[in-house]
ModelCIF file with pLDDT and N, C-alpha, C, O atoms, coordinates in Angstrom:
data_MODEL
#
_entry.id   MODEL 
#
_entity.id                         1 
_entity.type                       polymer 
_entity.pdbx_number_of_molecules   1 
#
_entity_poly.entity_id                      1 
_entity_poly.type                           'polypeptide(L)' 
_entity_poly.nstd_linkage                   no 
_entity_poly.nstd_monomer                   no 
_entity_poly.pdbx_seq_one_letter_code       DGCVMAHLLYAQGQEETCEARYLAGCDGARSTVRKTLDM 
_entity_poly.pdbx_seq_one_letter_code_can   DGCVMAHLLYAQGQEETCEARYLAGCDGARSTVRKTLDM 
_entity_poly.pdbx_strand_id                 A 
#
loop_
_entity_poly_seq.entity_id 
_entity_poly_seq.num 
_entity_poly_seq.mon_id 
_entity_poly_seq.hetero 
1 1  ASP n 
1 2  GLY n 
1 3  CYS n 
1 4  VAL n 
1 5  MET n 
1 6  ALA n 
1 7  HIS n 
1 8  LEU n 
1 9  LEU n 
1 10 TYR n 
1 11 ALA n 
1 12 GLN n 
1 13 GLY n 
1 14 GLN n 
1 15 GLU n 
1 16 GLU n 
1 17 THR n 
1 18 CYS n 
1 19 GLU n 
1 20 ALA n 
1 21 ARG n 
1 22 TYR n 
1 23 LEU n 
1 24 ALA n 
1 25 GLY n 
1 26 CYS n 
1 27 ASP n 
1 28 GLY n 
1 29 ALA n 
1 30 ARG n 
1 31 SER n 
1 32 THR n 
1 33 VAL n 
1 34 ARG n 
1 35 LYS n 
1 36 THR n 
1 37 LEU n 
1 38 ASP n 
1 39 MET n 
#
_struct_asym.id          A 
_struct_asym.entity_id   1 
#
loop_
_ma_qa_metric.id 
_ma_qa_metric.mode 
_ma_qa_metric.name 
_ma_qa_metric.software_group_id 
_ma_qa_metric.type 
1 global pLDDT . pLDDT 
2 local  pLDDT . pLDDT 
#
_ma_qa_metric_global.metric_id      1 
_ma_qa_metric_global.metric_value   95.67 
_ma_qa_metric_global.model_id       1 
_ma_qa_metric_global.ordinal_id     1 
#
loop_
_ma_qa_metric_local.label_asym_id 
_ma_qa_metric_local.label_comp_id 
_ma_qa_metric_local.label_seq_id 
_ma_qa_metric_local.metric_id 
_ma_qa_metric_local.metric_value 
_ma_qa_metric_local.model_id 
_ma_qa_metric_local.ordinal_id 
A ASP 1  2 91.00 1 1  
A GLY 2  2 92.00 1 2  
A CYS 3  2 96.00 1 3  
A VAL 4  2 98.00 1 4  
A MET 5  2 97.00 1 5  
A ALA 6  2 97.00 1 6  
A HIS 7  2 97.00 1 7  
A LEU 8  2 97.00 1 8  
A LEU 9  2 97.00 1 9  
A TYR 10 2 94.00 1 10 
A ALA 11 2 88.00 1 11 
A GLN 12 2 87.00 1 12 
A GLY 13 2 91.00 1 13 
A GLN 14 2 94.00 1 14 
A GLU 15 2 95.00 1 15 
A GLU 16 2 95.00 1 16 
A THR 17 2 96.00 1 17 
A CYS 18 2 97.00 1 18 
A GLU 19 2 97.00 1 19 
A ALA 20 2 98.00 1 20 
A ARG 21 2 98.00 1 21 
A TYR 22 2 98.00 1 22 
A LEU 23 2 98.00 1 23 
A ALA 24 2 98.00 1 24 
A GLY 25 2 98.00 1 25 
A CYS 26 2 98.00 1 26 
A ASP 27 2 96.00 1 27 
A GLY 28 2 94.00 1 28 
A ALA 29 2 92.00 1 29 
A ARG 30 2 94.00 1 30 
A SER 31 2 97.00 1 31 
A THR 32 2 97.00 1 32 
A VAL 33 2 98.00 1 33 
A ARG 34 2 98.00 1 34 
A LYS 35 2 97.00 1 35 
A THR 36 2 97.00 1 36 
A LEU 37 2 97.00 1 37 
A ASP 38 2 96.00 1 38 
A MET 39 2 96.00 1 39 
#
loop_
_atom_site.group_PDB 
_atom_site.id 
_atom_site.type_symbol 
_atom_site.label_atom_id 
_atom_site.label_alt_id 
_atom_site.label_comp_id 
_atom_site.label_asym_id 
_atom_site.label_entity_id 
_atom_site.label_seq_id 
_atom_site.pdbx_PDB_ins_code 
_atom_site.Cartn_x 
_atom_site.Cartn_y 
_atom_site.Cartn_z 
_atom_site.occupancy 
_atom_site.B_iso_or_equiv 
_atom_site.pdbx_formal_charge 
_atom_site.auth_seq_id 
_atom_site.auth_comp_id 
_atom_site.auth_asym_id 
_atom_site.auth_atom_id 
_atom_site.pdbx_PDB_model_num 
ATOM 1   N N  . ASP A 1 1  ? -10.642 -6.176 -3.495 1.00 91.00 ? 1  ASP A N  1 
ATOM 2   C CA . ASP A 1 1  ? -11.169 -7.103 -4.500 1.00 91.00 ? 1  ASP A CA 1 
ATOM 3   C C  . ASP A 1 1  ? -11.930 -6.396 -5.616 1.00 91.00 ? 1  ASP A C  1 
ATOM 4   O O  . ASP A 1 1  ? -12.991 -6.851 -6.043 1.00 91.00 ? 1  ASP A O  1 
ATOM 5   N N  . GLY A 1 2  ? -11.386 -5.293 -6.077 1.00 92.00 ? 2  GLY A N  1 
ATOM 6   C CA . GLY A 1 2  ? -11.977 -4.609 -7.222 1.00 92.00 ? 2  GLY A CA 1 
ATOM 7   C C  . GLY A 1 2  ? -13.268 -3.881 -6.953 1.00 92.00 ? 2  GLY A C  1 
ATOM 8   O O  . GLY A 1 2  ? -14.049 -3.655 -7.876 1.00 92.00 ? 2  GLY A O  1 
ATOM 9   N N  . CYS A 1 3  ? -13.515 -3.506 -5.705 1.00 96.00 ? 3  CYS A N  1 
ATOM 10  C CA . CYS A 1 3  ? -14.728 -2.746 -5.396 1.00 96.00 ? 3  CYS A CA 1 
ATOM 11  C C  . CYS A 1 3  ? -14.505 -1.892 -4.149 1.00 96.00 ? 3  CYS A C  1 
ATOM 12  O O  . CYS A 1 3  ? -13.495 -2.017 -3.456 1.00 96.00 ? 3  CYS A O  1 
ATOM 13  N N  . VAL A 1 4  ? -15.470 -1.032 -3.890 1.00 98.00 ? 4  VAL A N  1 
ATOM 14  C CA . VAL A 1 4  ? -15.464 -0.180 -2.703 1.00 98.00 ? 4  VAL A CA 1 
ATOM 15  C C  . VAL A 1 4  ? -16.560 -0.657 -1.765 1.00 98.00 ? 4  VAL A C  1 
ATOM 16  O O  . VAL A 1 4  ? -17.704 -0.838 -2.181 1.00 98.00 ? 4  VAL A O  1 
ATOM 17  N N  . MET A 1 5  ? -16.212 -0.858 -0.507 1.00 97.00 ? 5  MET A N  1 
ATOM 18  C CA . MET A 1 5  ? -17.200 -1.211 0.507  1.00 97.00 ? 5  MET A CA 1 
ATOM 19  C C  . MET A 1 5  ? -17.469 0.036  1.336  1.00 97.00 ? 5  MET A C  1 
ATOM 20  O O  . MET A 1 5  ? -16.623 0.457  2.125  1.00 97.00 ? 5  MET A O  1 
ATOM 21  N N  . ALA A 1 6  ? -18.648 0.628  1.157  1.00 97.00 ? 6  ALA A N  1 
ATOM 22  C CA . ALA A 1 6  ? -19.001 1.882  1.817  1.00 97.00 ? 6  ALA A CA 1 
ATOM 23  C C  . ALA A 1 6  ? -19.933 1.613  2.995  1.00 97.00 ? 6  ALA A C  1 
ATOM 24  O O  . ALA A 1 6  ? -20.914 0.879  2.874  1.00 97.00 ? 6  ALA A O  1 
ATOM 25  N N  . HIS A 1 7  ? -19.615 2.211  4.118  1.00 97.00 ? 7  HIS A N  1 
ATOM 26  C CA . HIS A 1 7  ? -20.402 2.020  5.337  1.00 97.00 ? 7  HIS A CA 1 
ATOM 27  C C  . HIS A 1 7  ? -21.333 3.225  5.511  1.00 97.00 ? 7  HIS A C  1 
ATOM 28  O O  . HIS A 1 7  ? -20.873 4.353  5.685  1.00 97.00 ? 7  HIS A O  1 
ATOM 29  N N  . LEU A 1 8  ? -22.634 2.975  5.463  1.00 97.00 ? 8  LEU A N  1 
ATOM 30  C CA . LEU A 1 8  ? -23.646 4.023  5.486  1.00 97.00 ? 8  LEU A CA 1 
ATOM 31  C C  . LEU A 1 8  ? -24.424 4.005  6.788  1.00 97.00 ? 8  LEU A C  1 
ATOM 32  O O  . LEU A 1 8  ? -24.654 2.952  7.381  1.00 97.00 ? 8  LEU A O  1 
ATOM 33  N N  . LEU A 1 9  ? -24.827 5.197  7.220  1.00 97.00 ? 9  LEU A N  1 
ATOM 34  C CA . LEU A 1 9  ? -25.633 5.351  8.434  1.00 97.00 ? 9  LEU A CA 1 
ATOM 35  C C  . LEU A 1 9  ? -26.877 6.151  8.110  1.00 97.00 ? 9  LEU A C  1 
ATOM 36  O O  . LEU A 1 9  ? -26.797 7.231  7.526  1.00 97.00 ? 9  LEU A O  1 
ATOM 37  N N  . TYR A 1 10 ? -28.041 5.611  8.496  1.00 94.00 ? 10 TYR A N  1 
ATOM 38  C CA . TYR A 1 10 ? -29.310 6.292  8.272  1.00 94.00 ? 10 TYR A CA 1 
ATOM 39  C C  . TYR A 1 10 ? -29.716 7.086  9.512  1.00 94.00 ? 10 TYR A C  1 
ATOM 40  O O  . TYR A 1 10 ? -29.194 6.866  10.605 1.00 94.00 ? 10 TYR A O  1 
ATOM 41  N N  . ALA A 1 11 ? -30.651 8.007  9.322  1.00 88.00 ? 11 ALA A N  1 
ATOM 42  C CA . ALA A 1 11 ? -31.070 8.895  10.414 1.00 88.00 ? 11 ALA A CA 1 
ATOM 43  C C  . ALA A 1 11 ? -31.628 8.117  11.595 1.00 88.00 ? 11 ALA A C  1 
ATOM 44  O O  . ALA A 1 11 ? -31.451 8.522  12.744 1.00 88.00 ? 11 ALA A O  1 
ATOM 45  N N  . GLN A 1 12 ? -32.299 7.009  11.325 1.00 87.00 ? 12 GLN A N  1 
ATOM 46  C CA . GLN A 1 12 ? -32.909 6.226  12.388 1.00 87.00 ? 12 GLN A CA 1 
ATOM 47  C C  . GLN A 1 12 ? -31.892 5.349  13.118 1.00 87.00 ? 12 GLN A C  1 
ATOM 48  O O  . GLN A 1 12 ? -32.242 4.648  14.067 1.00 87.00 ? 12 GLN A O  1 
ATOM 49  N N  . GLY A 1 13 ? -30.646 5.390  12.678 1.00 91.00 ? 13 GLY A N  1 
ATOM 50  C CA . GLY A 1 13 ? -29.596 4.625  13.335 1.00 91.00 ? 13 GLY A CA 1 
ATOM 51  C C  . GLY A 1 13 ? -29.224 3.327  12.653 1.00 91.00 ? 13 GLY A C  1 
ATOM 52  O O  . GLY A 1 13 ? -28.268 2.670  13.064 1.00 91.00 ? 13 GLY A O  1 
ATOM 53  N N  . GLN A 1 14 ? -29.965 2.937  11.610 1.00 94.00 ? 14 GLN A N  1 
ATOM 54  C CA . GLN A 1 14 ? -29.606 1.710  10.897 1.00 94.00 ? 14 GLN A CA 1 
ATOM 55  C C  . GLN A 1 14 ? -28.298 1.914  10.136 1.00 94.00 ? 14 GLN A C  1 
ATOM 56  O O  . GLN A 1 14 ? -27.967 3.020  9.709  1.00 94.00 ? 14 GLN A O  1 
ATOM 57  N N  . GLU A 1 15 ? -27.572 0.815  9.984  1.00 95.00 ? 15 GLU A N  1 
ATOM 58  C CA . GLU A 1 15 ? -26.333 0.844  9.225  1.00 95.00 ? 15 GLU A CA 1 
ATOM 59  C C  . GLU A 1 15 ? -26.429 -0.101 8.042  1.00 95.00 ? 15 GLU A C  1 
ATOM 60  O O  . GLU A 1 15 ? -27.182 -1.075 8.059  1.00 95.00 ? 15 GLU A O  1 
ATOM 61  N N  . GLU A 1 16 ? -25.660 0.203  7.028  1.00 95.00 ? 16 GLU A N  1 
ATOM 62  C CA . GLU A 1 16 ? -25.686 -0.610 5.815  1.00 95.00 ? 16 GLU A CA 1 
ATOM 63  C C  . GLU A 1 16 ? -24.306 -0.598 5.193  1.00 95.00 ? 16 GLU A C  1 
ATOM 64  O O  . GLU A 1 16 ? -23.569 0.378  5.335  1.00 95.00 ? 16 GLU A O  1 
ATOM 65  N N  . THR A 1 17 ? -23.945 -1.672 4.504  1.00 96.00 ? 17 THR A N  1 
ATOM 66  C CA . THR A 1 17 ? -22.742 -1.707 3.701  1.00 96.00 ? 17 THR A CA 1 
ATOM 67  C C  . THR A 1 17 ? -23.143 -1.791 2.240  1.00 96.00 ? 17 THR A C  1 
ATOM 68  O O  . THR A 1 17 ? -23.891 -2.683 1.840  1.00 96.00 ? 17 THR A O  1 
ATOM 69  N N  . CYS A 1 18 ? -22.644 -0.860 1.451  1.00 97.00 ? 18 CYS A N  1 
ATOM 70  C CA . CYS A 1 18 ? -22.943 -0.818 0.022  1.00 97.00 ? 18 CYS A CA 1 
ATOM 71  C C  . CYS A 1 18 ? -21.675 -1.182 -0.756 1.00 97.00 ? 18 CYS A C  1 
ATOM 72  O O  . CYS A 1 18 ? -20.602 -0.633 -0.507 1.00 97.00 ? 18 CYS A O  1 
ATOM 73  N N  . GLU A 1 19 ? -21.815 -2.095 -1.683 1.00 97.00 ? 19 GLU A N  1 
ATOM 74  C CA . GLU A 1 19 ? -20.692 -2.463 -2.544 1.00 97.00 ? 19 GLU A CA 1 
ATOM 75  C C  . GLU A 1 19 ? -20.825 -1.732 -3.876 1.00 97.00 ? 19 GLU A C  1 
ATOM 76  O O  . GLU A 1 19 ? -21.848 -1.837 -4.552 1.00 97.00 ? 19 GLU A O  1 
ATOM 77  N N  . ALA A 1 20 ? -19.788 -0.995 -4.245 1.00 98.00 ? 20 ALA A N  1 
ATOM 78  C CA . ALA A 1 20 ? -19.812 -0.217 -5.488 1.00 98.00 ? 20 ALA A CA 1 
ATOM 79  C C  . ALA A 1 20 ? -18.513 -0.440 -6.246 1.00 98.00 ? 20 ALA A C  1 
ATOM 80  O O  . ALA A 1 20 ? -17.458 -0.677 -5.658 1.00 98.00 ? 20 ALA A O  1 
ATOM 81  N N  . ARG A 1 21 ? -18.619 -0.356 -7.567 1.00 98.00 ? 21 ARG A N  1 
ATOM 82  C CA . ARG A 1 21 ? -17.393 -0.459 -8.361 1.00 98.00 ? 21 ARG A CA 1 
ATOM 83  C C  . ARG A 1 21 ? -16.532 0.789  -8.169 1.00 98.00 ? 21 ARG A C  1 
ATOM 84  O O  . ARG A 1 21 ? -15.306 0.703  -8.097 1.00 98.00 ? 21 ARG A O  1 
ATOM 85  N N  . TYR A 1 22 ? -17.188 1.951  -8.086 1.00 98.00 ? 22 TYR A N  1 
ATOM 86  C CA . TYR A 1 22 ? -16.474 3.213  -7.906 1.00 98.00 ? 22 TYR A CA 1 
ATOM 87  C C  . TYR A 1 22 ? -17.246 4.121  -6.963 1.00 98.00 ? 22 TYR A C  1 
ATOM 88  O O  . TYR A 1 22 ? -18.461 3.997  -6.813 1.00 98.00 ? 22 TYR A O  1 
ATOM 89  N N  . LEU A 1 23 ? -16.522 5.032  -6.331 1.00 98.00 ? 23 LEU A N  1 
ATOM 90  C CA . LEU A 1 23 ? -17.103 5.979  -5.380 1.00 98.00 ? 23 LEU A CA 1 
ATOM 91  C C  . LEU A 1 23 ? -16.764 7.398  -5.830 1.00 98.00 ? 23 LEU A C  1 
ATOM 92  O O  . LEU A 1 23 ? -15.610 7.703  -6.130 1.00 98.00 ? 23 LEU A O  1 
ATOM 93  N N  . ALA A 1 24 ? -17.770 8.257  -5.875 1.00 98.00 ? 24 ALA A N  1 
ATOM 94  C CA . ALA A 1 24 ? -17.574 9.658  -6.282 1.00 98.00 ? 24 ALA A CA 1 
ATOM 95  C C  . ALA A 1 24 ? -17.879 10.578 -5.112 1.00 98.00 ? 24 ALA A C  1 
ATOM 96  O O  . ALA A 1 24 ? -19.015 10.632 -4.640 1.00 98.00 ? 24 ALA A O  1 
ATOM 97  N N  . GLY A 1 25 ? -16.874 11.299 -4.644 1.00 98.00 ? 25 GLY A N  1 
ATOM 98  C CA . GLY A 1 25 ? -17.055 12.243 -3.548 1.00 98.00 ? 25 GLY A CA 1 
ATOM 99  C C  . GLY A 1 25 ? -17.446 13.614 -4.070 1.00 98.00 ? 25 GLY A C  1 
ATOM 100 O O  . GLY A 1 25 ? -16.600 14.381 -4.529 1.00 98.00 ? 25 GLY A O  1 
ATOM 101 N N  . CYS A 1 26 ? -18.721 13.910 -3.995 1.00 98.00 ? 26 CYS A N  1 
ATOM 102 C CA . CYS A 1 26 ? -19.260 15.217 -4.405 1.00 98.00 ? 26 CYS A CA 1 
ATOM 103 C C  . CYS A 1 26 ? -19.822 15.912 -3.169 1.00 98.00 ? 26 CYS A C  1 
ATOM 104 O O  . CYS A 1 26 ? -20.816 16.634 -3.242 1.00 98.00 ? 26 CYS A O  1 
ATOM 105 N N  . ASP A 1 27 ? -19.164 15.680 -2.030 1.00 96.00 ? 27 ASP A N  1 
ATOM 106 C CA . ASP A 1 27 ? -19.732 16.037 -0.729 1.00 96.00 ? 27 ASP A CA 1 
ATOM 107 C C  . ASP A 1 27 ? -19.140 17.305 -0.124 1.00 96.00 ? 27 ASP A C  1 
ATOM 108 O O  . ASP A 1 27 ? -19.070 17.433 1.098  1.00 96.00 ? 27 ASP A O  1 
ATOM 109 N N  . GLY A 1 28 ? -18.718 18.237 -0.963 1.00 94.00 ? 28 GLY A N  1 
ATOM 110 C CA . GLY A 1 28 ? -18.416 19.579 -0.498 1.00 94.00 ? 28 GLY A CA 1 
ATOM 111 C C  . GLY A 1 28 ? -17.056 19.761 0.149  1.00 94.00 ? 28 GLY A C  1 
ATOM 112 O O  . GLY A 1 28 ? -16.247 18.837 0.230  1.00 94.00 ? 28 GLY A O  1 
ATOM 113 N N  . ALA A 1 29 ? -16.831 20.994 0.611  1.00 92.00 ? 29 ALA A N  1 
ATOM 114 C CA . ALA A 1 29 ? -15.522 21.379 1.134  1.00 92.00 ? 29 ALA A CA 1 
ATOM 115 C C  . ALA A 1 29 ? -15.106 20.579 2.358  1.00 92.00 ? 29 ALA A C  1 
ATOM 116 O O  . ALA A 1 29 ? -13.912 20.408 2.606  1.00 92.00 ? 29 ALA A O  1 
ATOM 117 N N  . ARG A 1 30 ? -16.068 20.087 3.124  1.00 94.00 ? 30 ARG A N  1 
ATOM 118 C CA . ARG A 1 30 ? -15.750 19.272 4.308  1.00 94.00 ? 30 ARG A CA 1 
ATOM 119 C C  . ARG A 1 30 ? -15.881 17.782 3.987  1.00 94.00 ? 30 ARG A C  1 
ATOM 120 O O  . ARG A 1 30 ? -16.279 16.995 4.845  1.00 94.00 ? 30 ARG A O  1 
ATOM 121 N N  . SER A 1 31 ? -15.557 17.406 2.786  1.00 97.00 ? 31 SER A N  1 
ATOM 122 C CA . SER A 1 31 ? -15.763 16.077 2.233  1.00 97.00 ? 31 SER A CA 1 
ATOM 123 C C  . SER A 1 31 ? -15.314 14.927 3.133  1.00 97.00 ? 31 SER A C  1 
ATOM 124 O O  . SER A 1 31 ? -14.153 14.854 3.535  1.00 97.00 ? 31 SER A O  1 
ATOM 125 N N  . THR A 1 32 ? -16.244 14.038 3.439  1.00 97.00 ? 32 THR A N  1 
ATOM 126 C CA . THR A 1 32 ? -15.910 12.812 4.165  1.00 97.00 ? 32 THR A CA 1 
ATOM 127 C C  . THR A 1 32 ? -15.053 11.896 3.300  1.00 97.00 ? 32 THR A C  1 
ATOM 128 O O  . THR A 1 32 ? -14.154 11.220 3.799  1.00 97.00 ? 32 THR A O  1 
ATOM 129 N N  . VAL A 1 33 ? -15.339 11.880 2.001  1.00 98.00 ? 33 VAL A N  1 
ATOM 130 C CA . VAL A 1 33 ? -14.555 11.041 1.094  1.00 98.00 ? 33 VAL A CA 1 
ATOM 131 C C  . VAL A 1 33 ? -13.097 11.474 1.108  1.00 98.00 ? 33 VAL A C  1 
ATOM 132 O O  . VAL A 1 33 ? -12.198 10.639 1.211  1.00 98.00 ? 33 VAL A O  1 
ATOM 133 N N  . ARG A 1 34 ? -12.863 12.776 1.004  1.00 98.00 ? 34 ARG A N  1 
ATOM 134 C CA . ARG A 1 34 ? -11.474 13.285 1.000  1.00 98.00 ? 34 ARG A CA 1 
ATOM 135 C C  . ARG A 1 34 ? -10.796 12.996 2.334  1.00 98.00 ? 34 ARG A C  1 
ATOM 136 O O  . ARG A 1 34 ? -9.627  12.612 2.357  1.00 98.00 ? 34 ARG A O  1 
ATOM 137 N N  . LYS A 1 35 ? -11.494 13.171 3.423  1.00 97.00 ? 35 LYS A N  1 
ATOM 138 C CA . LYS A 1 35 ? -10.907 12.931 4.745  1.00 97.00 ? 35 LYS A CA 1 
ATOM 139 C C  . LYS A 1 35 ? -10.617 11.449 4.960  1.00 97.00 ? 35 LYS A C  1 
ATOM 140 O O  . LYS A 1 35 ? -9.611  11.094 5.575  1.00 97.00 ? 35 LYS A O  1 
ATOM 141 N N  . THR A 1 36 ? -11.488 10.590 4.459  1.00 97.00 ? 36 THR A N  1 
ATOM 142 C CA . THR A 1 36 ? -11.252 9.149  4.588  1.00 97.00 ? 36 THR A CA 1 
ATOM 143 C C  . THR A 1 36 ? -10.004 8.742  3.808  1.00 97.00 ? 36 THR A C  1 
ATOM 144 O O  . THR A 1 36 ? -9.259  7.855  4.225  1.00 97.00 ? 36 THR A O  1 
ATOM 145 N N  . LEU A 1 37 ? -9.791  9.396  2.684  1.00 97.00 ? 37 LEU A N  1 
ATOM 146 C CA . LEU A 1 37 ? -8.596  9.128  1.881  1.00 97.00 ? 37 LEU A CA 1 
ATOM 147 C C  . LEU A 1 37 ? -7.342  9.763  2.483  1.00 97.00 ? 37 LEU A C  1 
ATOM 148 O O  . LEU A 1 37 ? -6.231  9.548  1.998  1.00 97.00 ? 37 LEU A O  1 
ATOM 149 N N  . ASP A 1 38 ? -7.535  10.552 3.554  1.00 96.00 ? 38 ASP A N  1 
ATOM 150 C CA . ASP A 1 38 ? -6.431  11.250 4.215  1.00 96.00 ? 38 ASP A CA 1 
ATOM 151 C C  . ASP A 1 38 ? -5.637  12.088 3.222  1.00 96.00 ? 38 ASP A C  1 
ATOM 152 O O  . ASP A 1 38 ? -4.406  12.067 3.200  1.00 96.00 ? 38 ASP A O  1 
ATOM 153 N N  . MET A 1 39 ? -6.377  12.823 2.404  1.00 96.00 ? 39 MET A N  1 
ATOM 154 C CA . MET A 1 39 ? -5.778  13.605 1.326  1.00 96.00 ? 39 MET A CA 1 
ATOM 155 C C  . MET A 1 39 ? -5.639  15.071 1.739  1.00 96.00 ? 39 MET A C  1 
ATOM 156 O O  . MET A 1 39 ? -5.153  15.890 0.959  1.00 96.00 ? 39 MET A O  1 
#
Protein backbone atom coordinates (compact mmCIF):
# COMPACT_ATOMS: atom_id res chain seq x y z
CA ASP A 1 0.00 0.00 0.00
CA GLY A 2 2.69 2.48 -0.95
CA CYS A 3 4.80 2.15 2.17
CA VAL A 4 7.33 -0.02 3.99
CA MET A 5 6.39 -1.75 7.23
CA ALA A 6 9.63 -2.25 9.17
CA HIS A 7 9.80 -4.54 12.19
CA LEU A 8 12.19 -3.20 14.85
CA LEU A 9 13.63 -4.82 17.96
CA TYR A 10 15.03 -2.88 20.91
CA ALA A 11 17.75 -4.06 23.30
CA GLN A 12 15.25 -4.52 26.12
CA GLY A 13 13.21 -6.87 23.95
CA GLN A 14 10.42 -4.50 22.93
CA GLU A 15 9.22 -4.67 19.36
CA GLU A 16 7.84 -1.96 17.15
CA THR A 17 6.47 -1.56 13.64
CA CYS A 18 7.53 1.58 11.81
CA GLU A 19 5.72 2.77 8.70
CA ALA A 20 7.96 4.60 6.22
CA ARG A 21 7.53 5.82 2.68
CA TYR A 22 11.03 4.59 1.83
CA LEU A 23 13.75 2.48 3.45
CA ALA A 24 17.49 3.12 3.06
CA GLY A 25 19.88 0.26 3.83
CA CYS A 26 23.14 1.83 4.99
CA ASP A 27 23.86 -1.14 7.25
CA GLY A 28 27.19 -2.37 5.95
CA ALA A 29 28.54 -5.44 4.19
CA ARG A 30 26.35 -7.81 6.23
CA SER A 31 23.27 -5.71 5.43
CA THR A 32 19.98 -6.95 6.84
CA VAL A 33 18.18 -4.85 4.24
CA ARG A 34 20.02 -6.59 1.39
CA LYS A 35 19.44 -10.03 2.90
CA THR A 36 15.74 -9.34 3.43
CA LEU A 37 15.50 -8.40 -0.24
CA ASP A 38 17.23 -11.72 -1.03
CA MET A 39 19.60 -9.83 -3.30
